[in-house]
Amino acid sequence: MADLTVWFDGACPLCRREIAFMRRLDRRRAITFVDVADGEAACPIDRGELLARFHAAENGDLLSGAAAFAAMWRAIPSLRPLGLAARNPLVLRWLERSYLLFLKGRPRVQRLLSRIGR
């Protein structure tokens, strides 16, 4: 079992929803989730970098973007096949490109979710 820590933006409605979903799937409690928006949270790198991009540490290796998502998926049995597939460099490259496209639209999605959540 991987030693996995995931840092997320607890001030982001989209991030909170996604992490809540992952916590429900993580029945074995294999993942330590750290809310970077909490000023007391320990951060392995600059807090701004952690807020700008998804990060995880798997077995001591700091990962970001699609690689971090893949590590999280590997820790959850129902998503493990996706995480294992992402070990293929072509798959990971495609996932990273998709993630970068998502990041461009993330502010709009956050605003929309903020309005819905009111």
PDB file of N, CA and C in Angstrom:
ATOM      1  N   MET A   1       0.851  -1.182   0.000  1.00  0.00           N
ATOM      2  CA  MET A   1       0.000   0.000   0.000  1.00  0.00           C
ATOM      3  C   MET A   1       0.892   1.240   0.000  1.00  0.00           C
ATOM      4  N   ALA A   2       0.535   2.193  -0.826  1.00  0.00           N
ATOM      5  CA  ALA A   2       1.304   3.428  -0.936  1.00  0.00           C
ATOM      6  C   ALA A   2       1.056   4.318   0.271  1.00  0.00           C
ATOM      7  N   ASP A   3       2.075   5.042   0.642  1.00  0.00           N
ATOM      8  CA  ASP A   3       1.952   6.089   1.636  1.00  0.00           C
ATOM      9  C   ASP A   3       1.611   7.328   0.831  1.00  0.00           C
ATOM     10  N   LEU A   4       0.343   7.777   0.894  1.00  0.00           N
ATOM     11  CA  LEU A   4      -0.106   8.836  -0.003  1.00  0.00           C
ATOM     12  C   LEU A   4      -0.680  10.024   0.764  1.00  0.00           C
ATOM     13  N   THR A   5      -0.190  11.211   0.422  1.00  0.00           N
ATOM     14  CA  THR A   5      -0.732  12.460   0.943  1.00  0.00           C
ATOM     15  C   THR A   5      -1.182  13.286  -0.248  1.00  0.00           C
ATOM     16  N   VAL A   6      -2.374  13.862  -0.140  1.00  0.00           N
ATOM     17  CA  VAL A   6      -2.941  14.698  -1.195  1.00  0.00           C
ATOM     18  C   VAL A   6      -3.198  16.080  -0.611  1.00  0.00           C
ATOM     19  N   TRP A   7      -2.709  17.119  -1.291  1.00  0.00           N
ATOM     20  CA  TRP A   7      -2.975  18.497  -0.890  1.00  0.00           C
ATOM     21  C   TRP A   7      -4.050  19.051  -1.805  1.00  0.00           C
ATOM     22  N   PHE A   8      -5.030  19.753  -1.228  1.00  0.00           N
ATOM     23  CA  PHE A   8      -6.124  20.302  -2.025  1.00  0.00           C
ATOM     24  C   PHE A   8      -6.514  21.677  -1.508  1.00  0.00           C
ATOM     25  N   ASP A   9      -7.215  22.422  -2.359  1.00  0.00           N
ATOM     26  CA  ASP A   9      -7.668  23.777  -2.042  1.00  0.00           C
ATOM     27  C   ASP A   9      -9.054  23.714  -1.432  1.00  0.00           C
ATOM     28  N   GLY A  10      -9.132  23.740  -0.123  1.00  0.00           N
ATOM     29  CA  GLY A  10     -10.409  23.671   0.587  1.00  0.00           C
ATOM     30  C   GLY A  10     -11.272  24.905   0.404  1.00  0.00           C
ATOM     31  N   ALA A  11     -10.729  25.975  -0.158  1.00  0.00           N
ATOM     32  CA  ALA A  11     -11.519  27.179  -0.432  1.00  0.00           C
ATOM     33  C   ALA A  11     -12.191  27.095  -1.803  1.00  0.00           C
ATOM     34  N   CYS A  12     -11.878  26.076  -2.567  1.00  0.00           N
ATOM     35  CA  CYS A  12     -12.426  25.901  -3.915  1.00  0.00           C
ATOM     36  C   CYS A  12     -13.621  24.949  -3.854  1.00  0.00           C
ATOM     37  N   PRO A  13     -14.803  25.402  -4.266  1.00  0.00           N
ATOM     38  CA  PRO A  13     -15.981  24.530  -4.204  1.00  0.00           C
ATOM     39  C   PRO A  13     -15.830  23.261  -5.040  1.00  0.00           C
ATOM     40  N   LEU A  14     -15.200  23.385  -6.178  1.00  0.00           N
ATOM     41  CA  LEU A  14     -14.983  22.224  -7.044  1.00  0.00           C
ATOM     42  C   LEU A  14     -14.055  21.220  -6.361  1.00  0.00           C
ATOM     43  N   CYS A  15     -12.971  21.726  -5.787  1.00  0.00           N
ATOM     44  CA  CYS A  15     -12.006  20.860  -5.100  1.00  0.00           C
ATOM     45  C   CYS A  15     -12.648  20.171  -3.899  1.00  0.00           C
ATOM     46  N   ARG A  16     -13.427  20.914  -3.121  1.00  0.00           N
ATOM     47  CA  ARG A  16     -14.092  20.326  -1.958  1.00  0.00           C
ATOM     48  C   ARG A  16     -15.010  19.183  -2.372  1.00  0.00           C
ATOM     49  N   ARG A  17     -15.766  19.370  -3.457  1.00  0.00           N
ATOM     50  CA  ARG A  17     -16.671  18.315  -3.930  1.00  0.00           C
ATOM     51  C   ARG A  17     -15.890  17.091  -4.384  1.00  0.00           C
ATOM     52  N   GLU A  18     -14.839  17.326  -5.132  1.00  0.00           N
ATOM     53  CA  GLU A  18     -14.051  16.202  -5.631  1.00  0.00           C
ATOM     54  C   GLU A  18     -13.385  15.438  -4.488  1.00  0.00           C
ATOM     55  N   ILE A  19     -12.827  16.149  -3.525  1.00  0.00           N
ATOM     56  CA  ILE A  19     -12.163  15.488  -2.404  1.00  0.00           C
ATOM     57  C   ILE A  19     -13.191  14.761  -1.534  1.00  0.00           C
ATOM     58  N   ALA A  20     -14.369  15.322  -1.357  1.00  0.00           N
ATOM     59  CA  ALA A  20     -15.424  14.625  -0.601  1.00  0.00           C
ATOM     60  C   ALA A  20     -15.765  13.300  -1.280  1.00  0.00           C
ATOM     61  N   PHE A  21     -15.841  13.319  -2.605  1.00  0.00           N
ATOM     62  CA  PHE A  21     -16.115  12.096  -3.357  1.00  0.00           C
ATOM     63  C   PHE A  21     -14.982  11.091  -3.176  1.00  0.00           C
ATOM     64  N   MET A  22     -13.737  11.550  -3.259  1.00  0.00           N
ATOM     65  CA  MET A  22     -12.586  10.655  -3.096  1.00  0.00           C
ATOM     66  C   MET A  22     -12.528  10.081  -1.679  1.00  0.00           C
ATOM     67  N   ARG A  23     -12.874  10.890  -0.698  1.00  0.00           N
ATOM     68  CA  ARG A  23     -12.898  10.393   0.688  1.00  0.00           C
ATOM     69  C   ARG A  23     -13.921   9.272   0.843  1.00  0.00           C
ATOM     70  N   ARG A  24     -15.082   9.424   0.183  1.00  0.00           N
ATOM     71  CA  ARG A  24     -16.091   8.358   0.243  1.00  0.00           C
ATOM     72  C   ARG A  24     -15.573   7.076  -0.406  1.00  0.00           C
ATOM     73  N   LEU A  25     -14.837   7.212  -1.495  1.00  0.00           N
ATOM     74  CA  LEU A  25     -14.287   6.038  -2.171  1.00  0.00           C
ATOM     75  C   LEU A  25     -13.125   5.412  -1.403  1.00  0.00           C
ATOM     76  N   ASP A  26     -12.424   6.213  -0.627  1.00  0.00           N
ATOM     77  CA  ASP A  26     -11.240   5.763   0.121  1.00  0.00           C
ATOM     78  C   ASP A  26     -11.672   5.096   1.434  1.00  0.00           C
ATOM     79  N   ARG A  27     -12.345   3.984   1.309  1.00  0.00           N
ATOM     80  CA  ARG A  27     -12.882   3.290   2.488  1.00  0.00           C
ATOM     81  C   ARG A  27     -11.791   2.750   3.400  1.00  0.00           C
ATOM     82  N   ARG A  28     -10.625   2.463   2.847  1.00  0.00           N
ATOM     83  CA  ARG A  28      -9.511   1.934   3.646  1.00  0.00           C
ATOM     84  C   ARG A  28      -8.714   3.041   4.328  1.00  0.00           C
ATOM     85  N   ARG A  29      -9.071   4.291   4.047  1.00  0.00           N
ATOM     86  CA  ARG A  29      -8.358   5.452   4.616  1.00  0.00           C
ATOM     87  C   ARG A  29      -6.869   5.392   4.280  1.00  0.00           C
ATOM     88  N   ALA A  30      -6.595   5.109   3.005  1.00  0.00           N
ATOM     89  CA  ALA A  30      -5.222   4.996   2.524  1.00  0.00           C
ATOM     90  C   ALA A  30      -4.604   6.354   2.208  1.00  0.00           C
ATOM     91  N   ILE A  31      -5.432   7.384   2.142  1.00  0.00           N
ATOM     92  CA  ILE A  31      -4.961   8.708   1.716  1.00  0.00           C
ATOM     93  C   ILE A  31      -5.104   9.704   2.860  1.00  0.00           C
ATOM     94  N   THR A  32      -4.060  10.496   3.056  1.00  0.00           N
ATOM     95  CA  THR A  32      -4.129  11.622   3.980  1.00  0.00           C
ATOM     96  C   THR A  32      -4.423  12.854   3.141  1.00  0.00           C
ATOM     97  N   PHE A  33      -5.553  13.501   3.396  1.00  0.00           N
ATOM     98  CA  PHE A  33      -5.947  14.702   2.663  1.00  0.00           C
ATOM     99  C   PHE A  33      -5.592  15.929   3.500  1.00  0.00           C
ATOM    100  N   VAL A  34      -4.906  16.882   2.888  1.00  0.00           N
ATOM    101  CA  VAL A  34      -4.477  18.096   3.584  1.00  0.00           C
ATOM    102  C   VAL A  34      -5.078  19.305   2.866  1.00  0.00           C
ATOM    103  N   ASP A  35      -5.852  20.091   3.611  1.00  0.00           N
ATOM    104  CA  ASP A  35      -6.468  21.299   3.072  1.00  0.00           C
ATOM    105  C   ASP A  35      -5.449  22.438   3.124  1.00  0.00           C
ATOM    106  N   VAL A  36      -4.955  22.831   1.952  1.00  0.00           N
ATOM    107  CA  VAL A  36      -3.928  23.869   1.866  1.00  0.00           C
ATOM    108  C   VAL A  36      -4.493  25.241   2.226  1.00  0.00           C
ATOM    109  N   ALA A  37      -5.807  25.420   2.077  1.00  0.00           N
ATOM    110  CA  ALA A  37      -6.427  26.702   2.414  1.00  0.00           C
ATOM    111  C   ALA A  37      -6.373  26.959   3.919  1.00  0.00           C
ATOM    112  N   ASP A  38      -6.213  25.909   4.699  1.00  0.00           N
ATOM    113  CA  ASP A  38      -6.053  26.036   6.142  1.00  0.00           C
ATOM    114  C   ASP A  38      -4.649  26.576   6.397  1.00  0.00           C
ATOM    115  N   GLY A  39      -4.553  27.740   6.938  1.00  0.00           N
ATOM    116  CA  GLY A  39      -3.263  28.386   7.160  1.00  0.00           C
ATOM    117  C   GLY A  39      -2.306  27.589   8.030  1.00  0.00           C
ATOM    118  N   GLU A  40      -2.811  26.617   8.771  1.00  0.00           N
ATOM    119  CA  GLU A  40      -1.980  25.808   9.655  1.00  0.00           C
ATOM    120  C   GLU A  40      -1.434  24.554   8.971  1.00  0.00           C
ATOM    121  N   ALA A  41      -1.889  24.273   7.752  1.00  0.00           N
ATOM    122  CA  ALA A  41      -1.486  23.040   7.056  1.00  0.00           C
ATOM    123  C   ALA A  41       0.000  23.063   6.709  1.00  0.00           C
ATOM    124  N   ALA A  42       0.635  21.924   6.898  1.00  0.00           N
ATOM    125  CA  ALA A  42       2.038  21.782   6.519  1.00  0.00           C
ATOM    126  C   ALA A  42       2.123  21.598   5.006  1.00  0.00           C
ATOM    127  N   CYS A  43       2.995  22.366   4.371  1.00  0.00           N
ATOM    128  CA  CYS A  43       3.138  22.321   2.918  1.00  0.00           C
ATOM    129  C   CYS A  43       4.580  21.965   2.553  1.00  0.00           C
ATOM    130  N   PRO A  44       4.764  21.003   1.659  1.00  0.00           N
ATOM    131  CA  PRO A  44       6.121  20.619   1.276  1.00  0.00           C
ATOM    132  C   PRO A  44       6.787  21.601   0.311  1.00  0.00           C
ATOM    133  N   ILE A  45       5.969  22.434  -0.351  1.00  0.00           N
ATOM    134  CA  ILE A  45       6.473  23.461  -1.270  1.00  0.00           C
ATOM    135  C   ILE A  45       5.654  24.721  -1.036  1.00  0.00           C
ATOM    136  N   ASP A  46       5.915  25.749  -1.799  1.00  0.00           N
ATOM    137  CA  ASP A  46       5.206  27.011  -1.674  1.00  0.00           C
ATOM    138  C   ASP A  46       3.689  26.796  -1.737  1.00  0.00           C
ATOM    139  N   ARG A  47       2.976  27.383  -0.797  1.00  0.00           N
ATOM    140  CA  ARG A  47       1.513  27.246  -0.715  1.00  0.00           C
ATOM    141  C   ARG A  47       0.833  27.676  -2.021  1.00  0.00           C
ATOM    142  N   GLY A  48       1.334  28.725  -2.658  1.00  0.00           N
ATOM    143  CA  GLY A  48       0.773  29.182  -3.933  1.00  0.00           C
ATOM    144  C   GLY A  48       0.875  28.129  -5.020  1.00  0.00           C
ATOM    145  N   GLU A  49       2.007  27.429  -5.062  1.00  0.00           N
ATOM    146  CA  GLU A  49       2.167  26.342  -6.045  1.00  0.00           C
ATOM    147  C   GLU A  49       1.180  25.221  -5.768  1.00  0.00           C
ATOM    148  N   LEU A  50       0.983  24.910  -4.488  1.00  0.00           N
ATOM    149  CA  LEU A  50       0.033  23.855  -4.130  1.00  0.00           C
ATOM    150  C   LEU A  50      -1.396  24.232  -4.493  1.00  0.00           C
ATOM    151  N   LEU A  51      -1.717  25.508  -4.392  1.00  0.00           N
ATOM    152  CA  LEU A  51      -3.070  25.961  -4.728  1.00  0.00           C
ATOM    153  C   LEU A  51      -3.296  26.046  -6.235  1.00  0.00           C
ATOM    154  N   ALA A  52      -2.235  26.236  -6.997  1.00  0.00           N
ATOM    155  CA  ALA A  52      -2.359  26.412  -8.442  1.00  0.00           C
ATOM    156  C   ALA A  52      -2.502  25.093  -9.194  1.00  0.00           C
ATOM    157  N   ARG A  53      -2.025  24.024  -8.583  1.00  0.00           N
ATOM    158  CA  ARG A  53      -1.984  22.730  -9.266  1.00  0.00           C
ATOM    159  C   ARG A  53      -2.151  21.614  -8.246  1.00  0.00           C
ATOM    160  N   PHE A  54      -2.781  20.534  -8.633  1.00  0.00           N
ATOM    161  CA  PHE A  54      -3.015  19.403  -7.742  1.00  0.00           C
ATOM    162  C   PHE A  54      -1.693  18.703  -7.447  1.00  0.00           C
ATOM    163  N   HIS A  55      -1.450  18.397  -6.155  1.00  0.00           N
ATOM    164  CA  HIS A  55      -0.204  17.744  -5.734  1.00  0.00           C
ATOM    165  C   HIS A  55      -0.495  16.571  -4.811  1.00  0.00           C
ATOM    166  N   ALA A  56       0.357  15.580  -4.900  1.00  0.00           N
ATOM    167  CA  ALA A  56       0.302  14.423  -4.003  1.00  0.00           C
ATOM    168  C   ALA A  56       1.720  13.924  -3.787  1.00  0.00           C
ATOM    169  N   ALA A  57       1.923  13.264  -2.669  1.00  0.00           N
ATOM    170  CA  ALA A  57       3.203  12.610  -2.394  1.00  0.00           C
ATOM    171  C   ALA A  57       2.914  11.120  -2.247  1.00  0.00           C
ATOM    172  N   GLU A  58       3.527  10.343  -3.124  1.00  0.00           N
ATOM    173  CA  GLU A  58       3.367   8.895  -3.105  1.00  0.00           C
ATOM    174  C   GLU A  58       4.711   8.275  -2.759  1.00  0.00           C
ATOM    175  N   ASN A  59       4.744   7.577  -1.629  1.00  0.00           N
ATOM    176  CA  ASN A  59       5.985   6.936  -1.177  1.00  0.00           C
ATOM    177  C   ASN A  59       7.164   7.918  -1.159  1.00  0.00           C
ATOM    178  N   GLY A  60       6.894   9.160  -0.744  1.00  0.00           N
ATOM    179  CA  GLY A  60       7.943  10.162  -0.626  1.00  0.00           C
ATOM    180  C   GLY A  60       8.224  10.971  -1.878  1.00  0.00           C
ATOM    181  N   ASP A  61       7.645  10.589  -3.027  1.00  0.00           N
ATOM    182  CA  ASP A  61       7.853  11.340  -4.269  1.00  0.00           C
ATOM    183  C   ASP A  61       6.732  12.360  -4.451  1.00  0.00           C
ATOM    184  N   LEU A  62       7.090  13.638  -4.606  1.00  0.00           N
ATOM    185  CA  LEU A  62       6.104  14.679  -4.827  1.00  0.00           C
ATOM    186  C   LEU A  62       5.699  14.689  -6.299  1.00  0.00           C
ATOM    187  N   LEU A  63       4.407  14.575  -6.550  1.00  0.00           N
ATOM    188  CA  LEU A  63       3.846  14.542  -7.903  1.00  0.00           C
ATOM    189  C   LEU A  63       2.879  15.695  -8.063  1.00  0.00           C
ATOM    190  N   SER A  64       2.680  16.137  -9.319  1.00  0.00           N
ATOM    191  CA  SER A  64       1.690  17.185  -9.544  1.00  0.00           C
ATOM    192  C   SER A  64       0.902  16.880 -10.808  1.00  0.00           C
ATOM    193  N   GLY A  65      -0.235  17.568 -10.931  1.00  0.00           N
ATOM    194  CA  GLY A  65      -1.065  17.408 -12.117  1.00  0.00           C
ATOM    195  C   GLY A  65      -1.603  16.006 -12.263  1.00  0.00           C
ATOM    196  N   ALA A  66      -1.605  15.514 -13.498  1.00  0.00           N
ATOM    197  CA  ALA A  66      -2.160  14.200 -13.806  1.00  0.00           C
ATOM    198  C   ALA A  66      -1.459  13.088 -13.033  1.00  0.00           C
ATOM    199  N   ALA A  67      -0.165  13.208 -12.838  1.00  0.00           N
ATOM    200  CA  ALA A  67       0.571  12.178 -12.089  1.00  0.00           C
ATOM    201  C   ALA A  67       0.066  12.097 -10.650  1.00  0.00           C
ATOM    202  N   ALA A  68      -0.289  13.229 -10.060  1.00  0.00           N
ATOM    203  CA  ALA A  68      -0.825  13.236  -8.693  1.00  0.00           C
ATOM    204  C   ALA A  68      -2.213  12.596  -8.656  1.00  0.00           C
ATOM    205  N   PHE A  69      -3.049  12.912  -9.656  1.00  0.00           N
ATOM    206  CA  PHE A  69      -4.367  12.273  -9.720  1.00  0.00           C
ATOM    207  C   PHE A  69      -4.210  10.768  -9.868  1.00  0.00           C
ATOM    208  N   ALA A  70      -3.287  10.334 -10.727  1.00  0.00           N
ATOM    209  CA  ALA A  70      -3.076   8.904 -10.952  1.00  0.00           C
ATOM    210  C   ALA A  70      -2.647   8.207  -9.660  1.00  0.00           C
ATOM    211  N   ALA A  71      -1.806   8.857  -8.875  1.00  0.00           N
ATOM    212  CA  ALA A  71      -1.389   8.283  -7.594  1.00  0.00           C
ATOM    213  C   ALA A  71      -2.591   8.121  -6.670  1.00  0.00           C
ATOM    214  N   MET A  72      -3.457   9.123  -6.637  1.00  0.00           N
ATOM    215  CA  MET A  72      -4.655   9.042  -5.807  1.00  0.00           C
ATOM    216  C   MET A  72      -5.552   7.897  -6.283  1.00  0.00           C
ATOM    217  N   TRP A  73      -5.715   7.779  -7.590  1.00  0.00           N
ATOM    218  CA  TRP A  73      -6.542   6.699  -8.139  1.00  0.00           C
ATOM    219  C   TRP A  73      -5.967   5.331  -7.767  1.00  0.00           C
ATOM    220  N   ARG A  74      -4.641   5.188  -7.793  1.00  0.00           N
ATOM    221  CA  ARG A  74      -4.022   3.903  -7.457  1.00  0.00           C
ATOM    222  C   ARG A  74      -4.302   3.490  -6.019  1.00  0.00           C
ATOM    223  N   ALA A  75      -4.521   4.455  -5.133  1.00  0.00           N
ATOM    224  CA  ALA A  75      -4.767   4.169  -3.719  1.00  0.00           C
ATOM    225  C   ALA A  75      -6.215   3.762  -3.441  1.00  0.00           C
ATOM    226  N   ILE A  76      -7.099   3.939  -4.422  1.00  0.00           N
ATOM    227  CA  ILE A  76      -8.520   3.625  -4.257  1.00  0.00           C
ATOM    228  C   ILE A  76      -8.844   2.420  -5.138  1.00  0.00           C
ATOM    229  N   PRO A  77      -9.193   1.282  -4.533  1.00  0.00           N
ATOM    230  CA  PRO A  77      -9.381   0.056  -5.313  1.00  0.00           C
ATOM    231  C   PRO A  77     -10.263   0.199  -6.552  1.00  0.00           C
ATOM    232  N   SER A  78     -11.372   0.889  -6.464  1.00  0.00           N
ATOM    233  CA  SER A  78     -12.270   1.002  -7.625  1.00  0.00           C
ATOM    234  C   SER A  78     -11.675   1.849  -8.757  1.00  0.00           C
ATOM    235  N   LEU A  79     -10.697   2.711  -8.445  1.00  0.00           N
ATOM    236  CA  LEU A  79     -10.060   3.559  -9.453  1.00  0.00           C
ATOM    237  C   LEU A  79      -8.646   3.097  -9.814  1.00  0.00           C
ATOM    238  N   ARG A  80      -8.179   2.075  -9.117  1.00  0.00           N
ATOM    239  CA  ARG A  80      -6.807   1.602  -9.316  1.00  0.00           C
ATOM    240  C   ARG A  80      -6.469   1.294 -10.776  1.00  0.00           C
ATOM    241  N   PRO A  81      -7.365   0.662 -11.556  1.00  0.00           N
ATOM    242  CA  PRO A  81      -7.011   0.404 -12.961  1.00  0.00           C
ATOM    243  C   PRO A  81      -6.677   1.679 -13.742  1.00  0.00           C
ATOM    244  N   LEU A  82      -7.380   2.776 -13.459  1.00  0.00           N
ATOM    245  CA  LEU A  82      -7.064   4.050 -14.116  1.00  0.00           C
ATOM    246  C   LEU A  82      -5.681   4.544 -13.711  1.00  0.00           C
ATOM    247  N   GLY A  83      -5.378   4.432 -12.422  1.00  0.00           N
ATOM    248  CA  GLY A  83      -4.076   4.862 -11.932  1.00  0.00           C
ATOM    249  C   GLY A  83      -2.941   4.035 -12.497  1.00  0.00           C
ATOM    250  N   LEU A  84      -3.178   2.736 -12.642  1.00  0.00           N
ATOM    251  CA  LEU A  84      -2.152   1.877 -13.228  1.00  0.00           C
ATOM    252  C   LEU A  84      -1.966   2.180 -14.710  1.00  0.00           C
ATOM    253  N   ALA A  85      -3.069   2.440 -15.425  1.00  0.00           N
ATOM    254  CA  ALA A  85      -2.975   2.789 -16.848  1.00  0.00           C
ATOM    255  C   ALA A  85      -2.149   4.057 -17.043  1.00  0.00           C
ATOM    256  N   ALA A  86      -2.235   4.974 -16.075  1.00  0.00           N
ATOM    257  CA  ALA A  86      -1.507   6.245 -16.173  1.00  0.00           C
ATOM    258  C   ALA A  86       0.000   6.065 -16.006  1.00  0.00           C
ATOM    259  N   ARG A  87       0.440   4.873 -15.662  1.00  0.00           N
ATOM    260  CA  ARG A  87       1.886   4.622 -15.614  1.00  0.00           C
ATOM    261  C   ARG A  87       2.472   4.525 -17.017  1.00  0.00           C
ATOM    262  N   ASN A  88       1.606   4.341 -17.987  1.00  0.00           N
ATOM    263  CA  ASN A  88       2.030   4.341 -19.384  1.00  0.00           C
ATOM    264  C   ASN A  88       2.308   5.794 -19.767  1.00  0.00           C
ATOM    265  N   PRO A  89       3.499   6.112 -20.275  1.00  0.00           N
ATOM    266  CA  PRO A  89       3.839   7.507 -20.591  1.00  0.00           C
ATOM    267  C   PRO A  89       2.873   8.178 -21.572  1.00  0.00           C
ATOM    268  N   LEU A  90       2.358   7.441 -22.536  1.00  0.00           N
ATOM    269  CA  LEU A  90       1.412   8.045 -23.488  1.00  0.00           C
ATOM    270  C   LEU A  90       0.100   8.398 -22.813  1.00  0.00           C
ATOM    271  N   VAL A  91      -0.375   7.517 -21.957  1.00  0.00           N
ATOM    272  CA  VAL A  91      -1.618   7.779 -21.220  1.00  0.00           C
ATOM    273  C   VAL A  91      -1.421   8.970 -20.292  1.00  0.00           C
ATOM    274  N   LEU A  92      -0.305   8.982 -19.568  1.00  0.00           N
ATOM    275  CA  LEU A  92      -0.044  10.088 -18.640  1.00  0.00           C
ATOM    276  C   LEU A  92       0.081  11.409 -19.387  1.00  0.00           C
ATOM    277  N   ARG A  93       0.717  11.398 -20.543  1.00  0.00           N
ATOM    278  CA  ARG A  93       0.844  12.623 -21.340  1.00  0.00           C
ATOM    279  C   ARG A  93      -0.539  13.134 -21.754  1.00  0.00           C
ATOM    280  N   TRP A  94      -1.414  12.232 -22.192  1.00  0.00           N
ATOM    281  CA  TRP A  94      -2.772  12.616 -22.586  1.00  0.00           C
ATOM    282  C   TRP A  94      -3.538  13.165 -21.378  1.00  0.00           C
ATOM    283  N   LEU A  95      -3.413  12.504 -20.227  1.00  0.00           N
ATOM    284  CA  LEU A  95      -4.089  12.982 -19.011  1.00  0.00           C
ATOM    285  C   LEU A  95      -3.575  14.360 -18.600  1.00  0.00           C
ATOM    286  N   GLU A  96      -2.272  14.581 -18.716  1.00  0.00           N
ATOM    287  CA  GLU A  96      -1.691  15.882 -18.352  1.00  0.00           C
ATOM    288  C   GLU A  96      -2.205  16.978 -19.277  1.00  0.00           C
ATOM    289  N   ARG A  97      -2.274  16.704 -20.559  1.00  0.00           N
ATOM    290  CA  ARG A  97      -2.827  17.702 -21.493  1.00  0.00           C
ATOM    291  C   ARG A  97      -4.275  18.013 -21.154  1.00  0.00           C
ATOM    292  N   SER A  98      -5.048  16.987 -20.828  1.00  0.00           N
ATOM    293  CA  SER A  98      -6.450  17.188 -20.436  1.00  0.00           C
ATOM    294  C   SER A  98      -6.524  18.018 -19.163  1.00  0.00           C
ATOM    295  N   TYR A  99      -5.631  17.744 -18.218  1.00  0.00           N
ATOM    296  CA  TYR A  99      -5.613  18.488 -16.965  1.00  0.00           C
ATOM    297  C   TYR A  99      -5.282  19.961 -17.215  1.00  0.00           C
ATOM    298  N   LEU A 100      -4.340  20.235 -18.094  1.00  0.00           N
ATOM    299  CA  LEU A 100      -3.983  21.619 -18.409  1.00  0.00           C
ATOM    300  C   LEU A 100      -5.152  22.359 -19.046  1.00  0.00           C
ATOM    301  N   LEU A 101      -5.901  21.682 -19.898  1.00  0.00           N
ATOM    302  CA  LEU A 101      -7.108  22.292 -20.483  1.00  0.00           C
ATOM    303  C   LEU A 101      -8.131  22.590 -19.389  1.00  0.00           C
ATOM    304  N   PHE A 102      -8.293  21.646 -18.464  1.00  0.00           N
ATOM    305  CA  PHE A 102      -9.214  21.848 -17.355  1.00  0.00           C
ATOM    306  C   PHE A 102      -8.807  23.070 -16.522  1.00  0.00           C
ATOM    307  N   LEU A 103      -7.507  23.213 -16.260  1.00  0.00           N
ATOM    308  CA  LEU A 103      -7.039  24.338 -15.442  1.00  0.00           C
ATOM    309  C   LEU A 103      -7.416  25.683 -16.049  1.00  0.00           C
ATOM    310  N   LYS A 104      -7.440  25.755 -17.372  1.00  0.00           N
ATOM    311  CA  LYS A 104      -7.826  27.009 -18.029  1.00  0.00           C
ATOM    312  C   LYS A 104      -9.275  27.364 -17.741  1.00  0.00           C
ATOM    313  N   GLY A 105     -10.132  26.370 -17.662  1.00  0.00           N
ATOM    314  CA  GLY A 105     -11.559  26.622 -17.408  1.00  0.00           C
ATOM    315  C   GLY A 105     -11.957  26.544 -15.952  1.00  0.00           C
ATOM    316  N   ARG A 106     -11.016  26.173 -15.099  1.00  0.00           N
ATOM    317  CA  ARG A 106     -11.323  25.987 -13.675  1.00  0.00           C
ATOM    318  C   ARG A 106     -11.933  27.224 -13.009  1.00  0.00           C
ATOM    319  N   PRO A 107     -11.425  28.427 -13.241  1.00  0.00           N
ATOM    320  CA  PRO A 107     -12.029  29.594 -12.586  1.00  0.00           C
ATOM    321  C   PRO A 107     -13.521  29.755 -12.905  1.00  0.00           C
ATOM    322  N   ARG A 108     -13.906  29.489 -14.155  1.00  0.00           N
ATOM    323  CA  ARG A 108     -15.328  29.597 -14.513  1.00  0.00           C
ATOM    324  C   ARG A 108     -16.161  28.547 -13.793  1.00  0.00           C
ATOM    325  N   VAL A 109     -15.638  27.340 -13.707  1.00  0.00           N
ATOM    326  CA  VAL A 109     -16.358  26.266 -13.016  1.00  0.00           C
ATOM    327  C   VAL A 109     -16.477  26.603 -11.534  1.00  0.00           C
ATOM    328  N   GLN A 110     -15.424  27.148 -10.940  1.00  0.00           N
ATOM    329  CA  GLN A 110     -15.461  27.533  -9.529  1.00  0.00           C
ATOM    330  C   GLN A 110     -16.529  28.601  -9.283  1.00  0.00           C
ATOM    331  N   ARG A 111     -16.599  29.601 -10.153  1.00  0.00           N
ATOM    332  CA  ARG A 111     -17.596  30.652 -10.000  1.00  0.00           C
ATOM    333  C   ARG A 111     -19.000  30.072 -10.107  1.00  0.00           C
ATOM    334  N   LEU A 112     -19.211  29.195 -11.058  1.00  0.00           N
ATOM    335  CA  LEU A 112     -20.520  28.572 -11.247  1.00  0.00           C
ATOM    336  C   LEU A 112     -20.909  27.765 -10.000  1.00  0.00           C
ATOM    337  N   LEU A 113     -19.993  26.967  -9.489  1.00  0.00           N
ATOM    338  CA  LEU A 113     -20.290  26.170  -8.297  1.00  0.00           C
ATOM    339  C   LEU A 113     -20.523  27.047  -7.074  1.00  0.00           C
ATOM    340  N   SER A 114     -19.817  28.172  -7.003  1.00  0.00           N
ATOM    341  CA  SER A 114     -20.030  29.101  -5.886  1.00  0.00           C
ATOM    342  C   SER A 114     -21.437  29.665  -5.916  1.00  0.00           C
ATOM    343  N   ARG A 115     -21.933  29.978  -7.112  1.00  0.00           N
ATOM    344  CA  ARG A 115     -23.298  30.517  -7.231  1.00  0.00           C
ATOM    345  C   ARG A 115     -24.333  29.448  -6.895  1.00  0.00           C
ATOM    346  N   ILE A 116     -24.095  28.233  -7.331  1.00  0.00           N
ATOM    347  CA  ILE A 116     -25.041  27.143  -7.064  1.00  0.00           C
ATOM    348  C   ILE A 116     -25.082  26.831  -5.576  1.00  0.00           C
ATOM    349  N   GLY A 117     -23.923  26.932  -4.905  1.00  0.00           N
ATOM    350  CA  GLY A 117     -23.831  26.597  -3.499  1.00  0.00           C
ATOM    351  C   GLY A 117     -24.442  27.617  -2.562  1.00  0.00           C
ATOM    352  N   ARG A 118     -24.821  28.765  -3.070  1.00  0.00           N
ATOM    353  CA  ARG A 118     -25.366  29.824  -2.194  1.00  0.00           C
ATOM    354  C   ARG A 118     -26.743  29.509  -1.727  1.00  0.00           C
TER     355      ARG A 118
END
